[in-house]
Amino acid sequence: MLDNAPPRHARNWVWFHRFGSPEHCYRLSERWGPRAGVCAGALFMVGLYLGLVAAPPDYQMGNSYRIIFIHVPTAWMSLFAYVSMAISAAIGLIWKIKMGHCIARSCAPLGAAFTLCALITGSLWGKPTWGTYWIWDARLTSELILLFLYFGFMALDNAIENRRTAAQASAILAVVGLINIPIIHYSVEWWNTLHQGSTVLKLEGPTIDTRMLIPLLVMFFAINLYFISGLCSRIQCELLDSERSTSWVRRIAGG
């Protein structure tokens, strides 16, 4: 008797190919988005209390350093969101998977918001620390370029009426813009900048006080979960708009 079942290696990849289904991704976003949002809210409260109340003042900067509990996680997330956007756009461009473009479009406004927040909080931190809100420092400049890349991606995606052409053009821009990510990360090592080097991700271990490190890590997780929650919400909106003529969207709309 012939066995018509697909080979084992094919079955092992079924779970991966399901992520190409808009309906499947919508259901996942609907399920996990709110849960990530609740967890993010709880971690935000814990992290802000530990960072603003429990952590001791810095011996050099006093209490002004506490802005790092917002600035550092949002700066890191601005990079992570761009990499996620570029990878998703590349998947859509190379393998013609619609969900790749959908996720990339959903990442862009969130990443732009994180980048803007990082620039604003960095400027507010820079005034008492460096004596100025802004200087054309290598990291500040490359982070500003990152914001322009986000804006350029969104503008290009909305400027072209044909959705397939818009997705392809914006995907190329996103992939090319990846060159800016290592520049931002290594700028403090490649050039003389006002920014200090890494104090958390070091081979020999963190050089930051544990009472400051713990709330910083909590805020990292909070920002990550907030990104997941926001991404899930935006994916749902994108799919409901782009797939509005499909039967599964009509079923959702009909209750």
C-alpha atoms as a PDB file:
ATOM      1  CA  MET A   1       0.000   0.000   0.000  1.00  0.00           C
ATOM      2  CA  LEU A   2       1.384   3.365  -1.062  1.00  0.00           C
ATOM      3  CA  ASP A   3       1.866   6.007   1.552  1.00  0.00           C
ATOM      4  CA  ASN A   4       0.711   9.373   0.172  1.00  0.00           C
ATOM      5  CA  ALA A   5       1.842  11.304   3.240  1.00  0.00           C
ATOM      6  CA  PRO A   6       4.489  13.980   2.555  1.00  0.00           C
ATOM      7  CA  PRO A   7       8.086  13.166   3.525  1.00  0.00           C
ATOM      8  CA  ARG A   8       9.169  13.903   7.081  1.00  0.00           C
ATOM      9  CA  HIS A   9      11.394  16.864   6.144  1.00  0.00           C
ATOM     10  CA  ALA A  10       8.453  18.483   4.350  1.00  0.00           C
ATOM     11  CA  ARG A  11       6.180  18.008   7.356  1.00  0.00           C
ATOM     12  CA  ASN A  12       8.798  19.615   9.581  1.00  0.00           C
ATOM     13  CA  TRP A  13       8.518  22.854   7.569  1.00  0.00           C
ATOM     14  CA  VAL A  14       4.728  23.047   7.553  1.00  0.00           C
ATOM     15  CA  TRP A  15       4.723  25.229  10.669  1.00  0.00           C
ATOM     16  CA  PHE A  16       7.060  27.698   8.937  1.00  0.00           C
ATOM     17  CA  HIS A  17       5.008  27.961   5.745  1.00  0.00           C
ATOM     18  CA  ARG A  18       1.884  28.647   7.776  1.00  0.00           C
ATOM     19  CA  PHE A  19       3.362  32.049   8.615  1.00  0.00           C
ATOM     20  CA  GLY A  20       2.844  32.940   4.965  1.00  0.00           C
ATOM     21  CA  SER A  21      -0.917  32.703   5.498  1.00  0.00           C
ATOM     22  CA  PRO A  22      -2.506  36.109   6.268  1.00  0.00           C
ATOM     23  CA  GLU A  23      -5.342  34.494   8.197  1.00  0.00           C
ATOM     24  CA  HIS A  24      -2.946  32.453  10.336  1.00  0.00           C
ATOM     25  CA  CYS A  25      -0.834  35.536  11.119  1.00  0.00           C
ATOM     26  CA  TYR A  26      -3.965  37.529  11.927  1.00  0.00           C
ATOM     27  CA  ARG A  27      -5.081  34.889  14.422  1.00  0.00           C
ATOM     28  CA  LEU A  28      -1.635  34.777  16.032  1.00  0.00           C
ATOM     29  CA  SER A  29      -1.525  38.576  16.321  1.00  0.00           C
ATOM     30  CA  GLU A  30      -5.023  38.649  17.759  1.00  0.00           C
ATOM     31  CA  ARG A  31      -4.063  36.056  20.380  1.00  0.00           C
ATOM     32  CA  TRP A  32      -0.613  37.224  21.461  1.00  0.00           C
ATOM     33  CA  GLY A  33      -0.763  40.982  20.982  1.00  0.00           C
ATOM     34  CA  PRO A  34      -2.951  41.754  24.019  1.00  0.00           C
ATOM     35  CA  ARG A  35      -0.984  39.331  26.197  1.00  0.00           C
ATOM     36  CA  ALA A  36       2.291  41.000  25.257  1.00  0.00           C
ATOM     37  CA  GLY A  37       0.711  44.381  26.006  1.00  0.00           C
ATOM     38  CA  VAL A  38      -0.373  43.325  29.501  1.00  0.00           C
ATOM     39  CA  CYS A  39       3.083  41.926  30.278  1.00  0.00           C
ATOM     40  CA  ALA A  40       4.703  45.090  28.921  1.00  0.00           C
ATOM     41  CA  GLY A  41       2.539  47.275  31.149  1.00  0.00           C
ATOM     42  CA  ALA A  42       3.424  45.255  34.245  1.00  0.00           C
ATOM     43  CA  LEU A  43       7.144  45.351  33.452  1.00  0.00           C
ATOM     44  CA  PHE A  44       6.995  49.082  32.761  1.00  0.00           C
ATOM     45  CA  MET A  45       5.631  49.720  36.246  1.00  0.00           C
ATOM     46  CA  VAL A  46       8.269  47.511  37.861  1.00  0.00           C
ATOM     47  CA  GLY A  47      11.105  48.920  35.765  1.00  0.00           C
ATOM     48  CA  LEU A  48      10.165  52.555  36.302  1.00  0.00           C
ATOM     49  CA  TYR A  49       9.864  52.048  40.062  1.00  0.00           C
ATOM     50  CA  LEU A  50      13.238  50.312  40.265  1.00  0.00           C
ATOM     51  CA  GLY A  51      14.870  52.866  37.985  1.00  0.00           C
ATOM     52  CA  LEU A  52      13.350  56.088  39.303  1.00  0.00           C
ATOM     53  CA  VAL A  53      12.980  55.215  42.989  1.00  0.00           C
ATOM     54  CA  ALA A  54      15.055  52.213  44.050  1.00  0.00           C
ATOM     55  CA  ALA A  55      18.237  52.753  42.009  1.00  0.00           C
ATOM     56  CA  PRO A  56      20.840  55.019  43.647  1.00  0.00           C
ATOM     57  CA  PRO A  57      22.008  58.314  42.094  1.00  0.00           C
ATOM     58  CA  ASP A  58      25.071  58.171  39.853  1.00  0.00           C
ATOM     59  CA  TYR A  59      28.254  59.390  41.535  1.00  0.00           C
ATOM     60  CA  GLN A  60      28.999  61.731  38.600  1.00  0.00           C
ATOM     61  CA  MET A  61      25.649  62.641  36.990  1.00  0.00           C
ATOM     62  CA  GLY A  62      23.420  62.458  40.051  1.00  0.00           C
ATOM     63  CA  ASN A  63      19.780  61.792  39.182  1.00  0.00           C
ATOM     64  CA  SER A  64      19.987  63.046  35.602  1.00  0.00           C
ATOM     65  CA  TYR A  65      21.286  59.642  34.480  1.00  0.00           C
ATOM     66  CA  ARG A  66      17.877  58.039  35.170  1.00  0.00           C
ATOM     67  CA  ILE A  67      16.732  58.941  31.678  1.00  0.00           C
ATOM     68  CA  ILE A  68      18.832  55.985  30.486  1.00  0.00           C
ATOM     69  CA  PHE A  69      16.018  53.672  31.592  1.00  0.00           C
ATOM     70  CA  ILE A  70      14.002  55.081  28.673  1.00  0.00           C
ATOM     71  CA  HIS A  71      16.764  56.226  26.331  1.00  0.00           C
ATOM     72  CA  VAL A  72      18.858  53.057  26.133  1.00  0.00           C
ATOM     73  CA  PRO A  73      15.996  50.544  25.574  1.00  0.00           C
ATOM     74  CA  THR A  74      14.333  52.750  22.931  1.00  0.00           C
ATOM     75  CA  ALA A  75      17.663  53.306  21.175  1.00  0.00           C
ATOM     76  CA  TRP A  76      18.271  49.557  21.084  1.00  0.00           C
ATOM     77  CA  MET A  77      14.733  48.931  19.880  1.00  0.00           C
ATOM     78  CA  SER A  78      15.146  51.484  17.089  1.00  0.00           C
ATOM     79  CA  LEU A  79      17.891  49.238  15.665  1.00  0.00           C
ATOM     80  CA  PHE A  80      16.046  45.983  16.295  1.00  0.00           C
ATOM     81  CA  ALA A  81      12.867  47.271  14.640  1.00  0.00           C
ATOM     82  CA  TYR A  82      14.803  48.374  11.563  1.00  0.00           C
ATOM     83  CA  VAL A  83      16.542  45.004  11.214  1.00  0.00           C
ATOM     84  CA  SER A  84      13.158  43.272  11.594  1.00  0.00           C
ATOM     85  CA  MET A  85      11.661  45.593   8.974  1.00  0.00           C
ATOM     86  CA  ALA A  86      14.509  45.035   6.513  1.00  0.00           C
ATOM     87  CA  ILE A  87      14.520  41.243   6.918  1.00  0.00           C
ATOM     88  CA  SER A  88      10.741  41.067   6.491  1.00  0.00           C
ATOM     89  CA  ALA A  89      10.913  43.326   3.433  1.00  0.00           C
ATOM     90  CA  ALA A  90      13.688  41.165   1.949  1.00  0.00           C
ATOM     91  CA  ILE A  91      11.604  38.017   2.478  1.00  0.00           C
ATOM     92  CA  GLY A  92       8.707  39.664   0.664  1.00  0.00           C
ATOM     93  CA  LEU A  93      11.001  40.880  -2.120  1.00  0.00           C
ATOM     94  CA  ILE A  94      12.890  37.621  -2.715  1.00  0.00           C
ATOM     95  CA  TRP A  95      10.243  34.974  -2.037  1.00  0.00           C
ATOM     96  CA  LYS A  96       7.179  37.064  -2.955  1.00  0.00           C
ATOM     97  CA  ILE A  97       5.552  36.406   0.425  1.00  0.00           C
ATOM     98  CA  LYS A  98       2.891  39.018   1.128  1.00  0.00           C
ATOM     99  CA  MET A  99       3.282  38.732   4.881  1.00  0.00           C
ATOM    100  CA  GLY A 100       6.872  39.937   4.574  1.00  0.00           C
ATOM    101  CA  HIS A 101       5.736  43.282   3.175  1.00  0.00           C
ATOM    102  CA  CYS A 102       2.909  43.436   5.696  1.00  0.00           C
ATOM    103  CA  ILE A 103       5.258  42.983   8.657  1.00  0.00           C
ATOM    104  CA  ALA A 104       7.745  45.475   7.199  1.00  0.00           C
ATOM    105  CA  ARG A 105       5.047  48.133   6.823  1.00  0.00           C
ATOM    106  CA  SER A 106       3.904  47.422  10.385  1.00  0.00           C
ATOM    107  CA  CYS A 107       7.442  47.765  11.792  1.00  0.00           C
ATOM    108  CA  ALA A 108       8.180  51.120  10.148  1.00  0.00           C
ATOM    109  CA  PRO A 109       6.037  53.537  12.228  1.00  0.00           C
ATOM    110  CA  LEU A 110       6.926  51.741  15.451  1.00  0.00           C
ATOM    111  CA  GLY A 111      10.624  51.899  14.664  1.00  0.00           C
ATOM    112  CA  ALA A 112      10.361  55.567  13.735  1.00  0.00           C
ATOM    113  CA  ALA A 113       8.660  56.280  17.068  1.00  0.00           C
ATOM    114  CA  PHE A 114      11.400  54.474  19.004  1.00  0.00           C
ATOM    115  CA  THR A 115      14.096  56.342  17.065  1.00  0.00           C
ATOM    116  CA  LEU A 116      12.463  59.707  17.705  1.00  0.00           C
ATOM    117  CA  CYS A 117      12.113  58.871  21.395  1.00  0.00           C
ATOM    118  CA  ALA A 118      15.784  57.867  21.555  1.00  0.00           C
ATOM    119  CA  LEU A 119      16.853  61.141  19.918  1.00  0.00           C
ATOM    120  CA  ILE A 120      14.686  63.293  22.207  1.00  0.00           C
ATOM    121  CA  THR A 121      15.694  61.543  25.424  1.00  0.00           C
ATOM    122  CA  GLY A 122      19.311  61.564  24.301  1.00  0.00           C
ATOM    123  CA  SER A 123      19.133  65.314  23.758  1.00  0.00           C
ATOM    124  CA  LEU A 124      17.548  65.845  27.181  1.00  0.00           C
ATOM    125  CA  TRP A 125      20.314  63.755  28.717  1.00  0.00           C
ATOM    126  CA  GLY A 126      22.979  65.554  26.720  1.00  0.00           C
ATOM    127  CA  LYS A 127      22.162  69.012  28.078  1.00  0.00           C
ATOM    128  CA  PRO A 128      23.185  68.368  31.732  1.00  0.00           C
ATOM    129  CA  THR A 129      25.885  65.864  30.724  1.00  0.00           C
ATOM    130  CA  TRP A 130      27.603  67.549  27.759  1.00  0.00           C
ATOM    131  CA  GLY A 131      26.244  71.079  28.106  1.00  0.00           C
ATOM    132  CA  THR A 132      24.303  70.977  24.828  1.00  0.00           C
ATOM    133  CA  TYR A 133      21.157  69.377  23.470  1.00  0.00           C
ATOM    134  CA  TRP A 134      22.697  68.415  20.159  1.00  0.00           C
ATOM    135  CA  ILE A 135      26.086  67.972  18.572  1.00  0.00           C
ATOM    136  CA  TRP A 136      26.963  66.323  15.266  1.00  0.00           C
ATOM    137  CA  ASP A 137      28.370  63.332  17.082  1.00  0.00           C
ATOM    138  CA  ALA A 138      28.834  60.158  14.996  1.00  0.00           C
ATOM    139  CA  ARG A 139      26.202  58.194  16.894  1.00  0.00           C
ATOM    140  CA  LEU A 140      23.702  61.045  17.042  1.00  0.00           C
ATOM    141  CA  THR A 141      24.092  61.717  13.329  1.00  0.00           C
ATOM    142  CA  SER A 142      23.773  58.058  12.312  1.00  0.00           C
ATOM    143  CA  GLU A 143      20.721  57.678  14.565  1.00  0.00           C
ATOM    144  CA  LEU A 144      19.160  60.715  12.871  1.00  0.00           C
ATOM    145  CA  ILE A 145      19.863  59.103   9.500  1.00  0.00           C
ATOM    146  CA  LEU A 146      18.032  56.022  10.793  1.00  0.00           C
ATOM    147  CA  LEU A 147      14.967  58.178  11.457  1.00  0.00           C
ATOM    148  CA  PHE A 148      15.146  59.513   7.901  1.00  0.00           C
ATOM    149  CA  LEU A 149      15.384  55.947   6.587  1.00  0.00           C
ATOM    150  CA  TYR A 150      12.169  55.061   8.417  1.00  0.00           C
ATOM    151  CA  PHE A 151      10.463  58.162   7.035  1.00  0.00           C
ATOM    152  CA  GLY A 152      11.791  57.391   3.550  1.00  0.00           C
ATOM    153  CA  PHE A 153      10.500  53.818   3.709  1.00  0.00           C
ATOM    154  CA  MET A 154       7.002  54.958   4.717  1.00  0.00           C
ATOM    155  CA  ALA A 155       6.952  57.826   2.194  1.00  0.00           C
ATOM    156  CA  LEU A 156       8.078  55.615  -0.682  1.00  0.00           C
ATOM    157  CA  ASP A 157       5.596  52.894   0.238  1.00  0.00           C
ATOM    158  CA  ASN A 158       2.725  55.397   0.206  1.00  0.00           C
ATOM    159  CA  ALA A 159       3.869  57.418  -2.805  1.00  0.00           C
ATOM    160  CA  ILE A 160       3.521  54.597  -5.366  1.00  0.00           C
ATOM    161  CA  GLU A 161      -0.045  53.649  -6.209  1.00  0.00           C
ATOM    162  CA  ASN A 162       0.712  50.112  -7.385  1.00  0.00           C
ATOM    163  CA  ARG A 163       1.053  48.121  -4.154  1.00  0.00           C
ATOM    164  CA  ARG A 164       3.444  45.513  -5.588  1.00  0.00           C
ATOM    165  CA  THR A 165       5.774  48.144  -7.026  1.00  0.00           C
ATOM    166  CA  ALA A 166       5.610  50.137  -3.786  1.00  0.00           C
ATOM    167  CA  ALA A 167       6.489  47.071  -1.734  1.00  0.00           C
ATOM    168  CA  GLN A 168       9.450  46.245  -3.979  1.00  0.00           C
ATOM    169  CA  ALA A 169      10.827  49.794  -4.006  1.00  0.00           C
ATOM    170  CA  SER A 170      10.497  50.272  -0.246  1.00  0.00           C
ATOM    171  CA  ALA A 171      12.024  46.826   0.383  1.00  0.00           C
ATOM    172  CA  ILE A 172      15.128  47.753  -1.630  1.00  0.00           C
ATOM    173  CA  LEU A 173      15.482  50.974   0.374  1.00  0.00           C
ATOM    174  CA  ALA A 174      15.119  49.047   3.659  1.00  0.00           C
ATOM    175  CA  VAL A 175      17.751  46.479   2.703  1.00  0.00           C
ATOM    176  CA  VAL A 176      20.233  49.124   1.516  1.00  0.00           C
ATOM    177  CA  GLY A 177      19.662  51.063   4.732  1.00  0.00           C
ATOM    178  CA  LEU A 178      20.913  48.108   6.772  1.00  0.00           C
ATOM    179  CA  ILE A 179      24.434  49.436   6.247  1.00  0.00           C
ATOM    180  CA  ASN A 180      23.618  52.151   8.791  1.00  0.00           C
ATOM    181  CA  ILE A 181      22.975  49.670  11.634  1.00  0.00           C
ATOM    182  CA  PRO A 182      26.605  48.597  12.257  1.00  0.00           C
ATOM    183  CA  ILE A 183      27.647  52.229  11.835  1.00  0.00           C
ATOM    184  CA  ILE A 184      25.354  53.221  14.711  1.00  0.00           C
ATOM    185  CA  HIS A 185      26.457  50.306  16.871  1.00  0.00           C
ATOM    186  CA  TYR A 186      30.214  50.661  16.365  1.00  0.00           C
ATOM    187  CA  SER A 187      30.360  54.444  16.018  1.00  0.00           C
ATOM    188  CA  VAL A 188      31.714  54.846  19.572  1.00  0.00           C
ATOM    189  CA  GLU A 189      34.588  52.514  18.698  1.00  0.00           C
ATOM    190  CA  TRP A 190      35.355  53.777  15.196  1.00  0.00           C
ATOM    191  CA  TRP A 191      35.326  57.526  15.968  1.00  0.00           C
ATOM    192  CA  ASN A 192      35.909  59.855  18.895  1.00  0.00           C
ATOM    193  CA  THR A 193      32.403  60.533  20.161  1.00  0.00           C
ATOM    194  CA  LEU A 194      30.804  61.932  23.282  1.00  0.00           C
ATOM    195  CA  HIS A 195      28.950  58.670  23.832  1.00  0.00           C
ATOM    196  CA  GLN A 196      30.416  56.216  26.264  1.00  0.00           C
ATOM    197  CA  GLY A 197      31.130  52.639  25.227  1.00  0.00           C
ATOM    198  CA  SER A 198      28.976  49.657  26.075  1.00  0.00           C
ATOM    199  CA  THR A 199      28.578  48.893  29.771  1.00  0.00           C
ATOM    200  CA  VAL A 200      26.087  46.001  29.504  1.00  0.00           C
ATOM    201  CA  LEU A 201      26.948  43.820  26.491  1.00  0.00           C
ATOM    202  CA  LYS A 202      30.625  43.154  27.234  1.00  0.00           C
ATOM    203  CA  LEU A 203      32.542  39.880  27.067  1.00  0.00           C
ATOM    204  CA  GLU A 204      33.979  40.401  30.526  1.00  0.00           C
ATOM    205  CA  GLY A 205      30.539  41.161  31.939  1.00  0.00           C
ATOM    206  CA  PRO A 206      28.529  44.329  32.657  1.00  0.00           C
ATOM    207  CA  THR A 207      30.375  47.215  34.296  1.00  0.00           C
ATOM    208  CA  ILE A 208      27.237  48.917  35.576  1.00  0.00           C
ATOM    209  CA  ASP A 209      26.037  48.701  39.165  1.00  0.00           C
ATOM    210  CA  THR A 210      23.605  45.803  39.669  1.00  0.00           C
ATOM    211  CA  ARG A 211      21.018  48.150  41.203  1.00  0.00           C
ATOM    212  CA  MET A 212      21.038  50.069  37.923  1.00  0.00           C
ATOM    213  CA  LEU A 213      21.434  47.034  35.664  1.00  0.00           C
ATOM    214  CA  ILE A 214      18.322  45.205  36.890  1.00  0.00           C
ATOM    215  CA  PRO A 215      15.820  48.020  36.149  1.00  0.00           C
ATOM    216  CA  LEU A 216      17.560  48.628  32.818  1.00  0.00           C
ATOM    217  CA  LEU A 217      17.072  44.978  31.841  1.00  0.00           C
ATOM    218  CA  VAL A 218      13.458  45.072  33.028  1.00  0.00           C
ATOM    219  CA  MET A 219      12.855  48.096  30.805  1.00  0.00           C
ATOM    220  CA  PHE A 220      14.517  46.266  27.909  1.00  0.00           C
ATOM    221  CA  PHE A 221      11.996  43.439  28.224  1.00  0.00           C
ATOM    222  CA  ALA A 222       9.134  45.905  28.664  1.00  0.00           C
ATOM    223  CA  ILE A 223      10.052  47.803  25.497  1.00  0.00           C
ATOM    224  CA  ASN A 224      10.440  44.536  23.564  1.00  0.00           C
ATOM    225  CA  LEU A 225       7.023  43.303  24.653  1.00  0.00           C
ATOM    226  CA  TYR A 226       5.508  46.702  23.866  1.00  0.00           C
ATOM    227  CA  PHE A 227       6.975  46.439  20.360  1.00  0.00           C
ATOM    228  CA  ILE A 228       5.463  42.967  19.936  1.00  0.00           C
ATOM    229  CA  SER A 229       2.084  44.212  21.123  1.00  0.00           C
ATOM    230  CA  GLY A 230       2.147  47.239  18.829  1.00  0.00           C
ATOM    231  CA  LEU A 231       3.379  45.137  15.916  1.00  0.00           C
ATOM    232  CA  CYS A 232       0.544  42.654  16.384  1.00  0.00           C
ATOM    233  CA  SER A 233      -2.021  45.472  16.386  1.00  0.00           C
ATOM    234  CA  ARG A 234      -0.586  47.024  13.237  1.00  0.00           C
ATOM    235  CA  ILE A 235      -0.402  43.656  11.473  1.00  0.00           C
ATOM    236  CA  GLN A 236      -4.104  43.126  12.165  1.00  0.00           C
ATOM    237  CA  CYS A 237      -4.945  46.546  10.720  1.00  0.00           C
ATOM    238  CA  GLU A 238      -2.745  45.980   7.665  1.00  0.00           C
ATOM    239  CA  LEU A 239      -4.294  42.583   6.974  1.00  0.00           C
ATOM    240  CA  LEU A 240      -7.869  43.755   7.402  1.00  0.00           C
ATOM    241  CA  ASP A 241      -7.170  46.509   4.872  1.00  0.00           C
ATOM    242  CA  SER A 242      -5.172  44.519   2.304  1.00  0.00           C
ATOM    243  CA  GLU A 243      -7.275  41.340   2.552  1.00  0.00           C
ATOM    244  CA  ARG A 244     -10.682  43.001   2.869  1.00  0.00           C
ATOM    245  CA  SER A 245     -12.030  41.252  -0.228  1.00  0.00           C
ATOM    246  CA  THR A 246     -11.231  37.742   1.081  1.00  0.00           C
ATOM    247  CA  SER A 247     -13.739  35.414   2.676  1.00  0.00           C
ATOM    248  CA  TRP A 248     -11.934  35.135   6.022  1.00  0.00           C
ATOM    249  CA  VAL A 249     -11.964  38.918   6.515  1.00  0.00           C
ATOM    250  CA  ARG A 250     -15.655  39.036   5.641  1.00  0.00           C
ATOM    251  CA  ARG A 251     -16.272  36.359   8.265  1.00  0.00           C
ATOM    252  CA  ILE A 252     -14.474  38.462  10.872  1.00  0.00           C
ATOM    253  CA  ALA A 253     -16.332  41.610   9.823  1.00  0.00           C
ATOM    254  CA  GLY A 254     -19.624  39.742  10.009  1.00  0.00           C
ATOM    255  CA  GLY A 255     -18.887  38.581  13.570  1.00  0.00           C
END
